[in-house]
Amino acid sequence: MANKSVRIELNHSGIRDLARSSGVQNVMVGRAEKVAADAGAGFIVKQGMSRNRARAAVVSSNLEAIQAEQTDRALTRAIDAGRVS
């Protein structure tokens, strides 16, 4: 039995273009919005574009949200809301 290997060459610029596409950004923001909604009031979504990919983050926007994370882990508990079902 011959040992056959497969060589895969990645198209790095194509992968970068895909990771920066509006479709990927929409998915990232959509998931972040679900997490923010599940975390409760005071959590907002920030989105952006890095050099290589789209980004989205959920951050606290006021003191009450910071305290909710400190005392109840509101944002930490909400992370599962962003998972693909």
PDB file of N, CA and C in Angstrom:
ATOM      1  N   MET A   1       0.844  -1.163   0.000  1.00  0.00           N
ATOM      2  CA  MET A   1       0.000   0.000   0.000  1.00  0.00           C
ATOM      3  C   MET A   1       0.896   1.234   0.000  1.00  0.00           C
ATOM      4  N   ALA A   2       0.695   2.091  -0.921  1.00  0.00           N
ATOM      5  CA  ALA A   2       1.526   3.294  -1.055  1.00  0.00           C
ATOM      6  C   ALA A   2       1.059   4.375  -0.098  1.00  0.00           C
ATOM      7  N   ASN A   3       2.026   5.105   0.434  1.00  0.00           N
ATOM      8  CA  ASN A   3       1.720   6.226   1.322  1.00  0.00           C
ATOM      9  C   ASN A   3       1.583   7.473   0.468  1.00  0.00           C
ATOM     10  N   LYS A   4       0.376   7.891   0.228  1.00  0.00           N
ATOM     11  CA  LYS A   4       0.125   9.065  -0.611  1.00  0.00           C
ATOM     12  C   LYS A   4      -0.131  10.267   0.277  1.00  0.00           C
ATOM     13  N   SER A   5       0.530  11.351  -0.024  1.00  0.00           N
ATOM     14  CA  SER A   5       0.308  12.569   0.745  1.00  0.00           C
ATOM     15  C   SER A   5      -0.391  13.601  -0.135  1.00  0.00           C
ATOM     16  N   VAL A   6      -1.071  14.471   0.519  1.00  0.00           N
ATOM     17  CA  VAL A   6      -1.802  15.524  -0.173  1.00  0.00           C
ATOM     18  C   VAL A   6      -1.162  16.855   0.197  1.00  0.00           C
ATOM     19  N   ARG A   7      -0.919  17.683  -0.779  1.00  0.00           N
ATOM     20  CA  ARG A   7      -0.350  19.003  -0.532  1.00  0.00           C
ATOM     21  C   ARG A   7      -1.436  20.046  -0.768  1.00  0.00           C
ATOM     22  N   ILE A   8      -1.643  20.880   0.233  1.00  0.00           N
ATOM     23  CA  ILE A   8      -2.654  21.923   0.138  1.00  0.00           C
ATOM     24  C   ILE A   8      -1.948  23.266   0.198  1.00  0.00           C
ATOM     25  N   GLU A   9      -2.222  24.098  -0.764  1.00  0.00           N
ATOM     26  CA  GLU A   9      -1.671  25.449  -0.771  1.00  0.00           C
ATOM     27  C   GLU A   9      -2.811  26.431  -0.537  1.00  0.00           C
ATOM     28  N   LEU A  10      -2.663  27.238   0.498  1.00  0.00           N
ATOM     29  CA  LEU A  10      -3.700  28.189   0.843  1.00  0.00           C
ATOM     30  C   LEU A  10      -3.517  29.488   0.070  1.00  0.00           C
ATOM     31  N   ASN A  11      -4.617  30.057  -0.320  1.00  0.00           N
ATOM     32  CA  ASN A  11      -4.623  31.356  -0.965  1.00  0.00           C
ATOM     33  C   ASN A  11      -4.822  32.393   0.142  1.00  0.00           C
ATOM     34  N   HIS A  12      -3.706  32.884   0.693  1.00  0.00           N
ATOM     35  CA  HIS A  12      -3.775  33.764   1.860  1.00  0.00           C
ATOM     36  C   HIS A  12      -4.536  35.059   1.586  1.00  0.00           C
ATOM     37  N   SER A  13      -4.367  35.636   0.419  1.00  0.00           N
ATOM     38  CA  SER A  13      -5.101  36.875   0.131  1.00  0.00           C
ATOM     39  C   SER A  13      -6.597  36.591  -0.002  1.00  0.00           C
ATOM     40  N   GLY A  14      -6.953  35.443  -0.518  1.00  0.00           N
ATOM     41  CA  GLY A  14      -8.364  35.067  -0.610  1.00  0.00           C
ATOM     42  C   GLY A  14      -8.984  34.844   0.758  1.00  0.00           C
ATOM     43  N   ILE A  15      -8.224  34.209   1.644  1.00  0.00           N
ATOM     44  CA  ILE A  15      -8.706  33.992   3.007  1.00  0.00           C
ATOM     45  C   ILE A  15      -8.882  35.332   3.709  1.00  0.00           C
ATOM     46  N   ARG A  16      -7.928  36.239   3.534  1.00  0.00           N
ATOM     47  CA  ARG A  16      -8.018  37.569   4.136  1.00  0.00           C
ATOM     48  C   ARG A  16      -9.241  38.309   3.603  1.00  0.00           C
ATOM     49  N   ASP A  17      -9.467  38.239   2.295  1.00  0.00           N
ATOM     50  CA  ASP A  17     -10.634  38.904   1.707  1.00  0.00           C
ATOM     51  C   ASP A  17     -11.936  38.342   2.274  1.00  0.00           C
ATOM     52  N   LEU A  18     -11.977  37.030   2.454  1.00  0.00           N
ATOM     53  CA  LEU A  18     -13.169  36.395   3.018  1.00  0.00           C
ATOM     54  C   LEU A  18     -13.375  36.832   4.472  1.00  0.00           C
ATOM     55  N   ALA A  19     -12.310  36.836   5.261  1.00  0.00           N
ATOM     56  CA  ALA A  19     -12.414  37.204   6.673  1.00  0.00           C
ATOM     57  C   ALA A  19     -12.787  38.678   6.849  1.00  0.00           C
ATOM     58  N   ARG A  20     -12.527  39.506   5.850  1.00  0.00           N
ATOM     59  CA  ARG A  20     -12.868  40.924   5.913  1.00  0.00           C
ATOM     60  C   ARG A  20     -14.175  41.250   5.189  1.00  0.00           C
ATOM     61  N   SER A  21     -14.839  40.253   4.654  1.00  0.00           N
ATOM     62  CA  SER A  21     -16.035  40.493   3.848  1.00  0.00           C
ATOM     63  C   SER A  21     -17.201  40.978   4.707  1.00  0.00           C
ATOM     64  N   SER A  22     -18.154  41.602   4.053  1.00  0.00           N
ATOM     65  CA  SER A  22     -19.325  42.119   4.766  1.00  0.00           C
ATOM     66  C   SER A  22     -20.167  40.976   5.329  1.00  0.00           C
ATOM     67  N   GLY A  23     -20.186  39.847   4.657  1.00  0.00           N
ATOM     68  CA  GLY A  23     -20.943  38.698   5.158  1.00  0.00           C
ATOM     69  C   GLY A  23     -20.408  38.201   6.483  1.00  0.00           C
ATOM     70  N   VAL A  24     -19.089  38.089   6.592  1.00  0.00           N
ATOM     71  CA  VAL A  24     -18.475  37.654   7.846  1.00  0.00           C
ATOM     72  C   VAL A  24     -18.703  38.711   8.925  1.00  0.00           C
ATOM     73  N   GLN A  25     -18.583  39.972   8.552  1.00  0.00           N
ATOM     74  CA  GLN A  25     -18.802  41.040   9.525  1.00  0.00           C
ATOM     75  C   GLN A  25     -20.244  41.010  10.031  1.00  0.00           C
ATOM     76  N   ASN A  26     -21.199  40.760   9.160  1.00  0.00           N
ATOM     77  CA  ASN A  26     -22.603  40.680   9.579  1.00  0.00           C
ATOM     78  C   ASN A  26     -22.828  39.533  10.556  1.00  0.00           C
ATOM     79  N   VAL A  27     -22.189  38.400  10.309  1.00  0.00           N
ATOM     80  CA  VAL A  27     -22.313  37.257  11.215  1.00  0.00           C
ATOM     81  C   VAL A  27     -21.709  37.596  12.573  1.00  0.00           C
ATOM     82  N   MET A  28     -20.539  38.211  12.573  1.00  0.00           N
ATOM     83  CA  MET A  28     -19.869  38.571  13.828  1.00  0.00           C
ATOM     84  C   MET A  28     -20.727  39.546  14.637  1.00  0.00           C
ATOM     85  N   VAL A  29     -21.254  40.563  13.982  1.00  0.00           N
ATOM     86  CA  VAL A  29     -22.078  41.558  14.671  1.00  0.00           C
ATOM     87  C   VAL A  29     -23.379  40.920  15.167  1.00  0.00           C
ATOM     88  N   GLY A  30     -23.967  40.061  14.371  1.00  0.00           N
ATOM     89  CA  GLY A  30     -25.196  39.385  14.782  1.00  0.00           C
ATOM     90  C   GLY A  30     -25.004  38.562  16.039  1.00  0.00           C
ATOM     91  N   ARG A  31     -23.906  37.827  16.112  1.00  0.00           N
ATOM     92  CA  ARG A  31     -23.625  37.026  17.301  1.00  0.00           C
ATOM     93  C   ARG A  31     -23.353  37.922  18.500  1.00  0.00           C
ATOM     94  N   ALA A  32     -22.596  38.991  18.278  1.00  0.00           N
ATOM     95  CA  ALA A  32     -22.287  39.912  19.372  1.00  0.00           C
ATOM     96  C   ALA A  32     -23.561  40.568  19.892  1.00  0.00           C
ATOM     97  N   GLU A  33     -24.493  40.901  19.007  1.00  0.00           N
ATOM     98  CA  GLU A  33     -25.758  41.494  19.437  1.00  0.00           C
ATOM     99  C   GLU A  33     -26.572  40.530  20.290  1.00  0.00           C
ATOM    100  N   LYS A  34     -26.532  39.237  19.963  1.00  0.00           N
ATOM    101  CA  LYS A  34     -27.229  38.242  20.777  1.00  0.00           C
ATOM    102  C   LYS A  34     -26.618  38.163  22.173  1.00  0.00           C
ATOM    103  N   VAL A  35     -25.294  38.205  22.237  1.00  0.00           N
ATOM    104  CA  VAL A  35     -24.616  38.168  23.536  1.00  0.00           C
ATOM    105  C   VAL A  35     -24.971  39.412  24.342  1.00  0.00           C
ATOM    106  N   ALA A  36     -24.924  40.581  23.704  1.00  0.00           N
ATOM    107  CA  ALA A  36     -25.237  41.833  24.402  1.00  0.00           C
ATOM    108  C   ALA A  36     -26.673  41.835  24.905  1.00  0.00           C
ATOM    109  N   ALA A  37     -27.596  41.345  24.104  1.00  0.00           N
ATOM    110  CA  ALA A  37     -29.001  41.295  24.527  1.00  0.00           C
ATOM    111  C   ALA A  37     -29.185  40.343  25.699  1.00  0.00           C
ATOM    112  N   ASP A  38     -28.483  39.216  25.671  1.00  0.00           N
ATOM    113  CA  ASP A  38     -28.598  38.246  26.752  1.00  0.00           C
ATOM    114  C   ASP A  38     -27.928  38.752  28.027  1.00  0.00           C
ATOM    115  N   ALA A  39     -26.890  39.562  27.889  1.00  0.00           N
ATOM    116  CA  ALA A  39     -26.178  40.099  29.055  1.00  0.00           C
ATOM    117  C   ALA A  39     -27.017  41.139  29.787  1.00  0.00           C
ATOM    118  N   GLY A  40     -27.859  41.849  29.060  1.00  0.00           N
ATOM    119  CA  GLY A  40     -28.740  42.822  29.689  1.00  0.00           C
ATOM    120  C   GLY A  40     -28.397  44.254  29.317  1.00  0.00           C
ATOM    121  N   ALA A  41     -29.045  45.174  29.990  1.00  0.00           N
ATOM    122  CA  ALA A  41     -28.876  46.593  29.689  1.00  0.00           C
ATOM    123  C   ALA A  41     -27.455  47.040  30.019  1.00  0.00           C
ATOM    124  N   GLY A  42     -26.978  47.965  29.217  1.00  0.00           N
ATOM    125  CA  GLY A  42     -25.669  48.539  29.475  1.00  0.00           C
ATOM    126  C   GLY A  42     -24.536  47.896  28.706  1.00  0.00           C
ATOM    127  N   PHE A  43     -24.806  46.837  27.962  1.00  0.00           N
ATOM    128  CA  PHE A  43     -23.787  46.200  27.142  1.00  0.00           C
ATOM    129  C   PHE A  43     -24.053  46.544  25.685  1.00  0.00           C
ATOM    130  N   ILE A  44     -23.035  46.984  24.983  1.00  0.00           N
ATOM    131  CA  ILE A  44     -23.178  47.397  23.587  1.00  0.00           C
ATOM    132  C   ILE A  44     -22.179  46.646  22.723  1.00  0.00           C
ATOM    133  N   VAL A  45     -22.445  46.670  21.422  1.00  0.00           N
ATOM    134  CA  VAL A  45     -21.579  46.005  20.452  1.00  0.00           C
ATOM    135  C   VAL A  45     -20.703  47.046  19.772  1.00  0.00           C
ATOM    136  N   LYS A  46     -19.419  46.767  19.727  1.00  0.00           N
ATOM    137  CA  LYS A  46     -18.488  47.584  18.959  1.00  0.00           C
ATOM    138  C   LYS A  46     -17.953  46.716  17.839  1.00  0.00           C
ATOM    139  N   GLN A  47     -17.956  47.268  16.644  1.00  0.00           N
ATOM    140  CA  GLN A  47     -17.460  46.503  15.504  1.00  0.00           C
ATOM    141  C   GLN A  47     -16.335  47.255  14.825  1.00  0.00           C
ATOM    142  N   GLY A  48     -15.514  46.524  14.133  1.00  0.00           N
ATOM    143  CA  GLY A  48     -14.408  47.153  13.443  1.00  0.00           C
ATOM    144  C   GLY A  48     -13.771  46.190  12.464  1.00  0.00           C
ATOM    145  N   MET A  49     -12.729  46.685  11.834  1.00  0.00           N
ATOM    146  CA  MET A  49     -12.019  45.883  10.854  1.00  0.00           C
ATOM    147  C   MET A  49     -10.534  45.984  11.176  1.00  0.00           C
ATOM    148  N   SER A  50      -9.914  44.850  11.424  1.00  0.00           N
ATOM    149  CA  SER A  50      -8.471  44.856  11.615  1.00  0.00           C
ATOM    150  C   SER A  50      -7.816  44.663  10.249  1.00  0.00           C
ATOM    151  N   ARG A  51      -6.539  44.549  10.246  1.00  0.00           N
ATOM    152  CA  ARG A  51      -5.840  44.400   8.969  1.00  0.00           C
ATOM    153  C   ARG A  51      -6.231  43.104   8.267  1.00  0.00           C
ATOM    154  N   ASN A  52      -6.526  42.070   9.067  1.00  0.00           N
ATOM    155  CA  ASN A  52      -6.777  40.761   8.472  1.00  0.00           C
ATOM    156  C   ASN A  52      -8.196  40.234   8.613  1.00  0.00           C
ATOM    157  N   ARG A  53      -9.011  40.841   9.479  1.00  0.00           N
ATOM    158  CA  ARG A  53     -10.335  40.262   9.683  1.00  0.00           C
ATOM    159  C   ARG A  53     -11.319  41.251  10.301  1.00  0.00           C
ATOM    160  N   ALA A  54     -12.591  40.881  10.172  1.00  0.00           N
ATOM    161  CA  ALA A  54     -13.660  41.655  10.803  1.00  0.00           C
ATOM    162  C   ALA A  54     -13.679  41.318  12.283  1.00  0.00           C
ATOM    163  N   ARG A  55     -14.058  42.297  13.102  1.00  0.00           N
ATOM    164  CA  ARG A  55     -14.102  42.099  14.541  1.00  0.00           C
ATOM    165  C   ARG A  55     -15.400  42.639  15.101  1.00  0.00           C
ATOM    166  N   ALA A  56     -15.861  42.039  16.175  1.00  0.00           N
ATOM    167  CA  ALA A  56     -17.012  42.543  16.929  1.00  0.00           C
ATOM    168  C   ALA A  56     -16.773  42.202  18.392  1.00  0.00           C
ATOM    169  N   ALA A  57     -17.110  43.118  19.266  1.00  0.00           N
ATOM    170  CA  ALA A  57     -16.911  42.913  20.700  1.00  0.00           C
ATOM    171  C   ALA A  57     -18.107  43.459  21.458  1.00  0.00           C
ATOM    172  N   VAL A  58     -18.392  42.843  22.598  1.00  0.00           N
ATOM    173  CA  VAL A  58     -19.432  43.332  23.489  1.00  0.00           C
ATOM    174  C   VAL A  58     -18.720  43.982  24.669  1.00  0.00           C
ATOM    175  N   VAL A  59     -19.057  45.227  24.924  1.00  0.00           N
ATOM    176  CA  VAL A  59     -18.408  45.976  26.003  1.00  0.00           C
ATOM    177  C   VAL A  59     -19.466  46.628  26.880  1.00  0.00           C
ATOM    178  N   SER A  60     -19.065  46.937  28.096  1.00  0.00           N
ATOM    179  CA  SER A  60     -19.981  47.626  28.996  1.00  0.00           C
ATOM    180  C   SER A  60     -19.944  49.118  28.688  1.00  0.00           C
ATOM    181  N   SER A  61     -21.111  49.743  28.721  1.00  0.00           N
ATOM    182  CA  SER A  61     -21.189  51.153  28.352  1.00  0.00           C
ATOM    183  C   SER A  61     -21.472  52.071  29.539  1.00  0.00           C
ATOM    184  N   ASN A  62     -21.715  51.480  30.700  1.00  0.00           N
ATOM    185  CA  ASN A  62     -21.988  52.309  31.868  1.00  0.00           C
ATOM    186  C   ASN A  62     -21.562  51.579  33.140  1.00  0.00           C
ATOM    187  N   LEU A  63     -21.624  52.277  34.241  1.00  0.00           N
ATOM    188  CA  LEU A  63     -21.183  51.729  35.528  1.00  0.00           C
ATOM    189  C   LEU A  63     -22.033  50.540  35.956  1.00  0.00           C
ATOM    190  N   GLU A  64     -23.330  50.575  35.673  1.00  0.00           N
ATOM    191  CA  GLU A  64     -24.208  49.475  36.067  1.00  0.00           C
ATOM    192  C   GLU A  64     -23.813  48.183  35.364  1.00  0.00           C
ATOM    193  N   ALA A  65     -23.443  48.280  34.094  1.00  0.00           N
ATOM    194  CA  ALA A  65     -23.023  47.087  33.352  1.00  0.00           C
ATOM    195  C   ALA A  65     -21.704  46.548  33.898  1.00  0.00           C
ATOM    196  N   ILE A  66     -20.799  47.439  34.252  1.00  0.00           N
ATOM    197  CA  ILE A  66     -19.528  47.010  34.849  1.00  0.00           C
ATOM    198  C   ILE A  66     -19.796  46.274  36.157  1.00  0.00           C
ATOM    199  N   GLN A  67     -20.679  46.833  36.970  1.00  0.00           N
ATOM    200  CA  GLN A  67     -21.005  46.195  38.245  1.00  0.00           C
ATOM    201  C   GLN A  67     -21.740  44.878  38.044  1.00  0.00           C
ATOM    202  N   ALA A  68     -22.588  44.796  37.019  1.00  0.00           N
ATOM    203  CA  ALA A  68     -23.295  43.545  36.724  1.00  0.00           C
ATOM    204  C   ALA A  68     -22.298  42.446  36.355  1.00  0.00           C
ATOM    205  N   GLU A  69     -21.260  42.798  35.638  1.00  0.00           N
ATOM    206  CA  GLU A  69     -20.231  41.810  35.302  1.00  0.00           C
ATOM    207  C   GLU A  69     -19.421  41.444  36.539  1.00  0.00           C
ATOM    208  N   GLN A  70     -19.110  42.421  37.353  1.00  0.00           N
ATOM    209  CA  GLN A  70     -18.310  42.139  38.554  1.00  0.00           C
ATOM    210  C   GLN A  70     -19.055  41.272  39.561  1.00  0.00           C
ATOM    211  N   THR A  71     -20.312  41.552  39.766  1.00  0.00           N
ATOM    212  CA  THR A  71     -21.052  40.833  40.807  1.00  0.00           C
ATOM    213  C   THR A  71     -21.749  39.579  40.294  1.00  0.00           C
ATOM    214  N   ASP A  72     -22.345  39.656  39.119  1.00  0.00           N
ATOM    215  CA  ASP A  72     -23.162  38.550  38.618  1.00  0.00           C
ATOM    216  C   ASP A  72     -22.567  37.830  37.414  1.00  0.00           C
ATOM    217  N   ARG A  73     -21.422  38.330  36.908  1.00  0.00           N
ATOM    218  CA  ARG A  73     -20.811  37.775  35.692  1.00  0.00           C
ATOM    219  C   ARG A  73     -21.815  37.764  34.531  1.00  0.00           C
ATOM    220  N   ALA A  74     -22.537  38.860  34.360  1.00  0.00           N
ATOM    221  CA  ALA A  74     -23.607  38.944  33.366  1.00  0.00           C
ATOM    222  C   ALA A  74     -23.094  38.697  31.948  1.00  0.00           C
ATOM    223  N   LEU A  75     -22.004  39.311  31.583  1.00  0.00           N
ATOM    224  CA  LEU A  75     -21.465  39.139  30.227  1.00  0.00           C
ATOM    225  C   LEU A  75     -20.840  37.766  30.059  1.00  0.00           C
ATOM    226  N   THR A  76     -20.148  37.302  31.068  1.00  0.00           N
ATOM    227  CA  THR A  76     -19.528  35.976  30.997  1.00  0.00           C
ATOM    228  C   THR A  76     -20.584  34.896  30.819  1.00  0.00           C
ATOM    229  N   ARG A  77     -21.692  35.024  31.530  1.00  0.00           N
ATOM    230  CA  ARG A  77     -22.763  34.031  31.415  1.00  0.00           C
ATOM    231  C   ARG A  77     -23.480  34.101  30.064  1.00  0.00           C
ATOM    232  N   ALA A  78     -23.435  35.251  29.428  1.00  0.00           N
ATOM    233  CA  ALA A  78     -24.163  35.443  28.173  1.00  0.00           C
ATOM    234  C   ALA A  78     -23.390  34.962  26.952  1.00  0.00           C
ATOM    235  N   ILE A  79     -22.162  34.529  27.118  1.00  0.00           N
ATOM    236  CA  ILE A  79     -21.323  34.177  25.965  1.00  0.00           C
ATOM    237  C   ILE A  79     -21.933  33.064  25.120  1.00  0.00           C
ATOM    238  N   ASP A  80     -22.651  32.147  25.736  1.00  0.00           N
ATOM    239  CA  ASP A  80     -23.254  31.038  24.976  1.00  0.00           C
ATOM    240  C   ASP A  80     -24.326  31.510  24.005  1.00  0.00           C
ATOM    241  N   ALA A  81     -24.883  32.701  24.216  1.00  0.00           N
ATOM    242  CA  ALA A  81     -25.910  33.210  23.303  1.00  0.00           C
ATOM    243  C   ALA A  81     -25.327  33.455  21.913  1.00  0.00           C
ATOM    244  N   GLY A  82     -24.011  33.628  21.803  1.00  0.00           N
ATOM    245  CA  GLY A  82     -23.392  33.867  20.512  1.00  0.00           C
ATOM    246  C   GLY A  82     -22.986  32.625  19.760  1.00  0.00           C
ATOM    247  N   ARG A  83     -23.178  31.477  20.355  1.00  0.00           N
ATOM    248  CA  ARG A  83     -22.795  30.216  19.697  1.00  0.00           C
ATOM    249  C   ARG A  83     -23.787  29.864  18.595  1.00  0.00           C
ATOM    250  N   VAL A  84     -23.279  29.140  17.618  1.00  0.00           N
ATOM    251  CA  VAL A  84     -24.125  28.682  16.511  1.00  0.00           C
ATOM    252  C   VAL A  84     -24.978  27.529  17.024  1.00  0.00           C
ATOM    253  N   SER A  85     -26.257  27.596  16.759  1.00  0.00           N
ATOM    254  CA  SER A  85     -27.154  26.538  17.240  1.00  0.00           C
ATOM    255  C   SER A  85     -27.384  25.494  16.177  1.00  0.00           C
TER     256      SER A  85
END
